[in-house]
Amino acid sequence: MNVAWGRSSLGRDIDAPSVFLPESMLREARRQRGLSVAPVPDICVLDPDGDLAAFMIGCHGATLMTEWACYHSELLVCTLPGIGRIGVIGKVVGAPYAVMVAELLFTSGCRLLVSLSSAGQIAAIAEPPYFVLIDRALRDEGTSGHYLPPSDEVTADADLLATLAHALRGTGQHVVVGGSWTTDAPFRETARAVAHARSRRLLVVEMEAAGLYAFARASRRDVVCLAHVTNRLGAPGDFDKGAAGGAVEAFELIVRLAAAWQARSTLRTPDQSLRHPESLQQDDR
């Protein structure tokens, strides 16, 4: 598989400002709907499968934020002890949609965005389900090319990832740090493409990380992508995510990520002991 990077007929001026801004969409949505201006939570989560959003409603009393001025999504908000307000948006599938929502969230006051994506297994390092904290993503989608110059991969912010990886140790869950293949076409994951991803030592395939990390790099935002490895690319008996669609386990990890990010924001002393791609559990044995 080759990741093709050519200029379209329109061209891409990576450093040029856009003529259409998220502020414009938010302004018009508020005008048309009669909404007041209200900040979103500092910490927000994109939940492509929607399982976490349902869990937050049922178990943590999450309610719709009526002031959320987005035409295309609904923002659920709840307050967690020791964390404060946290927002969750369900069914945000694919890099174009995820980055559009990310732009709107950060413009509205978000400071940390966590993407929780269901992912397919590339490297058979464990039996699904388990989690991968994505440190780099193969750019086999279109969105990242509008934020960064051409390259095969985009990486997460190393200091941020190190802090968050440290926070996930000792959870009792199987979490590893590693790379992902981001694709726009999940039903074109051919044997050759999978083999190429495996040759690059990538662990999973998903649909959002490369676009979100490119946006984060270009805009200097705090974004982290967490992949919930739920399937072996269509093998019989796949997509067993665990209790509540894996939301119970995912919720625990997100709470830890949120607490670690809040501490980092206050102290600015990120841990540098990131390991790759071994299990984060091994340090506590």
Protein backbone atom coordinates (compact mmCIF):
# COMPACT_ATOMS: atom_id res chain seq x y z
CA MET A 1 0.00 0.00 0.00
CA ASN A 2 1.28 3.43 -0.88
CA VAL A 3 -0.03 6.53 0.80
CA ALA A 4 -0.55 8.93 -2.08
CA TRP A 5 0.12 12.61 -1.46
CA GLY A 6 -0.54 14.79 -4.49
CA ARG A 7 -1.92 18.27 -4.78
CA SER A 8 -5.51 18.50 -5.90
CA SER A 9 -6.47 20.89 -8.67
CA LEU A 10 -7.43 23.41 -5.97
CA GLY A 11 -4.09 23.21 -4.17
CA ARG A 12 -3.57 23.23 -0.45
CA ASP A 13 -2.14 26.27 1.29
CA ILE A 14 -1.37 24.66 4.64
CA ASP A 15 -0.30 27.90 6.33
CA ALA A 16 -3.02 30.12 4.87
CA PRO A 17 -6.04 31.06 7.01
CA SER A 18 -9.42 29.62 6.08
CA VAL A 19 -12.14 31.89 4.75
CA PHE A 20 -14.74 29.77 6.61
CA LEU A 21 -14.17 29.52 10.35
CA PRO A 22 -15.76 27.48 13.17
CA GLU A 23 -16.69 30.78 14.81
CA SER A 24 -18.86 31.55 11.78
CA MET A 25 -20.77 28.29 12.01
CA LEU A 26 -21.29 28.69 15.75
CA ARG A 27 -22.45 32.30 15.34
CA GLU A 28 -25.05 31.40 12.72
CA ALA A 29 -26.28 28.33 14.58
CA ARG A 30 -26.81 30.45 17.69
CA ARG A 31 -28.58 33.14 15.68
CA GLN A 32 -30.91 30.71 13.93
CA ARG A 33 -31.71 28.71 17.05
CA GLY A 34 -31.78 31.54 19.56
CA LEU A 35 -29.00 29.99 21.65
CA SER A 36 -26.94 31.77 24.24
CA VAL A 37 -23.14 31.56 24.39
CA ALA A 38 -21.95 29.02 26.96
CA PRO A 39 -18.58 27.26 27.29
CA VAL A 40 -18.40 23.51 26.80
CA PRO A 41 -16.55 21.41 29.42
CA ASP A 42 -12.76 21.61 29.50
CA ILE A 43 -12.63 17.87 28.80
CA CYS A 44 -14.68 16.35 25.97
CA VAL A 45 -14.84 12.87 24.46
CA LEU A 46 -15.67 11.75 20.94
CA ASP A 47 -17.43 8.39 21.07
CA PRO A 48 -17.90 7.01 17.53
CA ASP A 49 -19.82 3.89 18.60
CA GLY A 50 -22.08 5.74 21.05
CA ASP A 51 -21.73 3.15 23.83
CA LEU A 52 -20.00 5.53 26.23
CA ALA A 53 -22.62 8.21 25.61
CA ALA A 54 -25.41 5.76 26.48
CA PHE A 55 -23.51 4.66 29.60
CA MET A 56 -23.02 8.25 30.73
CA ILE A 57 -26.75 8.89 30.44
CA GLY A 58 -27.77 5.73 32.28
CA CYS A 59 -25.12 5.64 35.00
CA HIS A 60 -23.92 9.20 35.47
CA GLY A 61 -26.96 11.33 34.68
CA ALA A 62 -25.53 13.00 31.58
CA THR A 63 -27.91 15.47 29.96
CA LEU A 64 -27.95 17.38 26.70
CA MET A 65 -26.20 20.74 26.67
CA THR A 66 -28.90 22.81 25.00
CA GLU A 67 -26.48 25.69 24.26
CA TRP A 68 -24.23 23.47 22.10
CA ALA A 69 -24.37 25.27 18.76
CA CYS A 70 -23.57 22.46 16.33
CA TYR A 71 -25.88 21.50 13.49
CA HIS A 72 -24.61 17.93 13.33
CA SER A 73 -24.13 16.56 16.85
CA GLU A 74 -25.46 16.47 20.40
CA LEU A 75 -23.23 17.17 23.40
CA LEU A 76 -23.95 15.30 26.62
CA VAL A 77 -22.59 16.78 29.85
CA CYS A 78 -22.24 15.41 33.36
CA THR A 79 -20.26 16.26 36.47
CA LEU A 80 -17.87 13.67 37.91
CA PRO A 81 -16.45 13.74 41.44
CA GLY A 82 -12.88 14.98 41.44
CA ILE A 83 -13.02 15.83 37.72
CA GLY A 84 -15.83 18.31 37.21
CA ARG A 85 -17.77 18.72 33.99
CA ILE A 86 -17.06 16.36 31.12
CA GLY A 87 -18.71 16.28 27.70
CA VAL A 88 -19.39 13.34 25.38
CA ILE A 89 -20.49 13.38 21.75
CA GLY A 90 -21.60 10.07 20.27
CA LYS A 91 -21.55 8.71 16.71
CA VAL A 92 -18.68 10.93 15.49
CA VAL A 93 -17.36 8.54 12.84
CA GLY A 94 -14.48 9.28 10.46
CA ALA A 95 -11.73 11.89 10.36
CA PRO A 96 -13.66 14.63 8.47
CA TYR A 97 -16.55 14.61 10.95
CA ALA A 98 -14.29 14.18 14.00
CA VAL A 99 -12.07 17.12 13.05
CA MET A 100 -15.04 19.34 12.22
CA VAL A 101 -16.52 18.66 15.67
CA ALA A 102 -13.09 19.11 17.27
CA GLU A 103 -12.75 22.55 15.69
CA LEU A 104 -16.13 23.57 17.10
CA LEU A 105 -15.40 22.14 20.56
CA PHE A 106 -12.07 23.91 20.99
CA THR A 107 -13.57 27.16 19.72
CA SER A 108 -16.27 26.71 22.38
CA GLY A 109 -13.90 26.21 25.32
CA CYS A 110 -12.71 22.60 25.21
CA ARG A 111 -9.08 22.16 26.33
CA LEU A 112 -8.60 18.38 26.13
CA LEU A 113 -10.25 16.14 23.54
CA VAL A 114 -10.21 12.35 23.88
CA SER A 115 -11.26 10.20 20.94
CA LEU A 116 -12.47 6.71 21.86
CA SER A 117 -12.63 4.69 18.66
CA SER A 118 -13.55 1.07 18.08
CA ALA A 119 -10.64 -0.46 16.16
CA GLY A 120 -9.65 -3.55 14.23
CA GLN A 121 -6.63 -5.61 15.22
CA ILE A 122 -3.58 -5.45 12.92
CA ALA A 123 -0.96 -7.03 15.21
CA ALA A 124 -2.17 -9.99 17.26
CA ILE A 125 -0.59 -8.87 20.52
CA ALA A 126 -3.56 -9.95 22.67
CA GLU A 127 -7.08 -11.31 22.46
CA PRO A 128 -9.68 -8.54 21.99
CA PRO A 129 -11.07 -6.54 23.64
CA TYR A 130 -8.23 -4.33 24.89
CA PHE A 131 -7.10 -0.72 24.44
CA VAL A 132 -4.35 1.05 22.49
CA LEU A 133 -3.22 4.55 23.36
CA ILE A 134 -2.31 5.76 19.86
CA ASP A 135 1.09 7.46 19.59
CA ARG A 136 1.25 7.74 15.79
CA ALA A 137 -1.12 7.27 12.87
CA LEU A 138 -0.62 6.34 9.23
CA ARG A 139 -2.29 9.05 7.18
CA ASP A 140 -4.45 7.02 4.81
CA GLU A 141 -7.30 9.54 4.91
CA GLY A 142 -7.89 12.96 3.42
CA THR A 143 -8.44 15.34 6.31
CA SER A 144 -4.89 15.49 7.69
CA GLY A 145 -3.58 16.78 4.36
CA HIS A 146 -5.45 20.04 4.90
CA TYR A 147 -3.68 20.68 8.22
CA LEU A 148 -0.11 19.41 7.75
CA PRO A 149 2.36 19.07 4.87
CA PRO A 150 2.71 15.62 3.26
CA SER A 151 4.16 12.79 5.36
CA ASP A 152 3.32 9.14 5.85
CA GLU A 153 2.52 9.45 9.56
CA VAL A 154 1.52 11.99 12.17
CA THR A 155 2.48 11.66 15.82
CA ALA A 156 0.77 12.61 19.04
CA ASP A 157 2.37 15.21 21.28
CA ALA A 158 5.07 13.22 23.10
CA ASP A 159 4.90 15.07 26.43
CA LEU A 160 1.11 14.87 26.62
CA LEU A 161 1.09 11.20 25.67
CA ALA A 162 3.77 10.37 28.22
CA THR A 163 1.74 11.95 31.00
CA LEU A 164 -1.43 10.17 30.00
CA ALA A 165 0.27 6.82 29.45
CA HIS A 166 1.69 6.98 32.96
CA ALA A 167 -1.82 7.59 34.31
CA LEU A 168 -3.14 4.38 32.74
CA ARG A 169 -0.71 2.10 34.53
CA GLY A 170 -2.18 0.03 37.31
CA THR A 171 -5.77 0.12 36.06
CA GLY A 172 -5.94 -3.66 35.83
CA GLN A 173 -6.87 -3.32 32.17
CA HIS A 174 -4.84 -4.34 29.16
CA VAL A 175 -3.59 -1.08 27.62
CA VAL A 176 -0.68 -0.72 25.20
CA VAL A 177 0.88 2.25 23.45
CA GLY A 178 1.36 1.97 19.70
CA GLY A 179 0.60 3.06 16.17
CA SER A 180 -2.56 3.01 14.11
CA TRP A 181 -3.58 2.98 10.47
CA THR A 182 -6.28 5.59 9.85
CA THR A 183 -8.46 4.89 6.83
CA ASP A 184 -11.51 6.48 5.26
CA ALA A 185 -12.65 3.17 3.78
CA PRO A 186 -13.12 0.37 6.35
CA PHE A 187 -14.52 -2.02 3.76
CA ARG A 188 -11.38 -1.65 1.63
CA GLU A 189 -9.01 -3.11 4.21
CA THR A 190 -7.43 -5.58 1.80
CA ALA A 191 -4.95 -8.29 2.71
CA ARG A 192 -2.15 -6.32 1.05
CA ALA A 193 -3.04 -3.14 2.92
CA VAL A 194 -3.20 -4.99 6.24
CA ALA A 195 0.18 -6.59 5.54
CA HIS A 196 1.66 -3.18 4.79
CA ALA A 197 0.31 -1.77 8.04
CA ARG A 198 1.71 -4.75 9.91
CA SER A 199 5.11 -4.23 8.29
CA ARG A 200 5.12 -0.71 9.74
CA ARG A 201 4.56 -2.17 13.21
CA LEU A 202 1.11 -0.64 13.48
CA LEU A 203 -1.22 -2.26 15.98
CA VAL A 204 -4.74 -1.28 14.90
CA VAL A 205 -6.86 0.25 12.16
CA GLU A 206 -9.45 2.97 12.84
CA MET A 207 -10.92 6.04 11.16
CA GLU A 208 -10.13 9.21 13.15
CA ALA A 209 -6.66 9.41 14.71
CA ALA A 210 -4.58 10.78 11.80
CA GLY A 211 -7.00 13.62 11.14
CA LEU A 212 -7.31 14.51 14.82
CA TYR A 213 -3.56 14.43 15.44
CA ALA A 214 -2.92 16.58 12.36
CA PHE A 215 -5.48 19.10 13.61
CA ALA A 216 -3.88 19.00 17.08
CA ARG A 217 -0.40 19.60 15.68
CA ALA A 218 -1.51 22.45 13.43
CA SER A 219 -3.59 24.21 16.08
CA ARG A 220 -1.50 23.30 19.16
CA ARG A 221 -4.41 21.63 20.90
CA ASP A 222 -4.40 18.77 23.40
CA VAL A 223 -5.86 15.70 21.66
CA VAL A 224 -5.37 12.04 22.50
CA CYS A 225 -6.76 9.04 20.64
CA LEU A 226 -7.66 5.83 22.43
CA ALA A 227 -8.53 2.75 20.35
CA HIS A 228 -10.75 0.05 21.79
CA VAL A 229 -9.62 -3.08 19.93
CA THR A 230 -12.86 -4.99 19.46
CA ASN A 231 -12.41 -7.14 16.36
CA ARG A 232 -9.99 -9.07 14.16
CA LEU A 233 -11.23 -7.58 10.89
CA GLY A 234 -14.32 -9.68 10.45
CA ALA A 235 -13.31 -12.98 12.05
CA PRO A 236 -16.23 -15.11 13.36
CA GLY A 237 -17.34 -14.07 16.83
CA ASP A 238 -15.96 -10.54 16.46
CA PHE A 239 -17.15 -7.29 18.02
CA ASP A 240 -17.52 -8.57 21.57
CA LYS A 241 -16.74 -5.33 23.37
CA GLY A 242 -17.55 -6.40 26.93
CA ALA A 243 -20.11 -5.12 29.44
CA ALA A 244 -22.13 -2.12 28.27
CA GLY A 245 -20.26 -2.22 24.97
CA GLY A 246 -16.97 -1.77 26.79
CA ALA A 247 -18.15 1.53 28.27
CA VAL A 248 -17.40 0.54 31.87
CA GLU A 249 -13.71 -0.07 31.10
CA ALA A 250 -13.48 2.93 28.77
CA PHE A 251 -15.01 5.20 31.40
CA GLU A 252 -12.36 4.21 33.94
CA LEU A 253 -9.58 5.01 31.50
CA ILE A 254 -11.08 8.35 30.52
CA VAL A 255 -11.44 9.40 34.17
CA ARG A 256 -7.74 8.59 34.68
CA LEU A 257 -6.77 10.51 31.55
CA ALA A 258 -8.84 13.49 32.66
CA ALA A 259 -7.30 13.58 36.14
CA ALA A 260 -3.76 13.28 34.76
CA TRP A 261 -4.35 16.05 32.24
CA GLN A 262 -5.75 18.34 34.93
CA ALA A 263 -2.69 17.72 37.11
CA ARG A 264 -0.39 18.35 34.15
CA SER A 265 -2.18 21.58 33.30
CA THR A 266 -1.58 22.79 36.84
CA LEU A 267 1.98 21.59 37.36
CA ARG A 268 3.32 21.30 33.81
CA THR A 269 5.67 18.46 34.79
CA PRO A 270 4.83 15.68 32.32
CA ASP A 271 6.22 12.21 32.93
CA GLN A 272 8.75 11.15 30.30
CA SER A 273 8.69 7.39 30.86
CA LEU A 274 6.59 6.40 27.84
CA ARG A 275 7.10 2.82 26.76
CA HIS A 276 6.29 1.56 23.26
CA PRO A 277 4.50 -0.71 22.49
CA GLU A 278 4.63 -2.90 25.61
CA SER A 279 1.71 -3.29 27.99
CA LEU A 280 1.31 -0.50 30.52
CA GLN A 281 0.36 -3.11 33.10
CA GLN A 282 3.83 -4.61 33.15
CA ASP A 283 5.33 -1.74 35.15
CA ASP A 284 3.20 -2.62 38.18
CA ARG A 285 4.07 -6.31 38.36
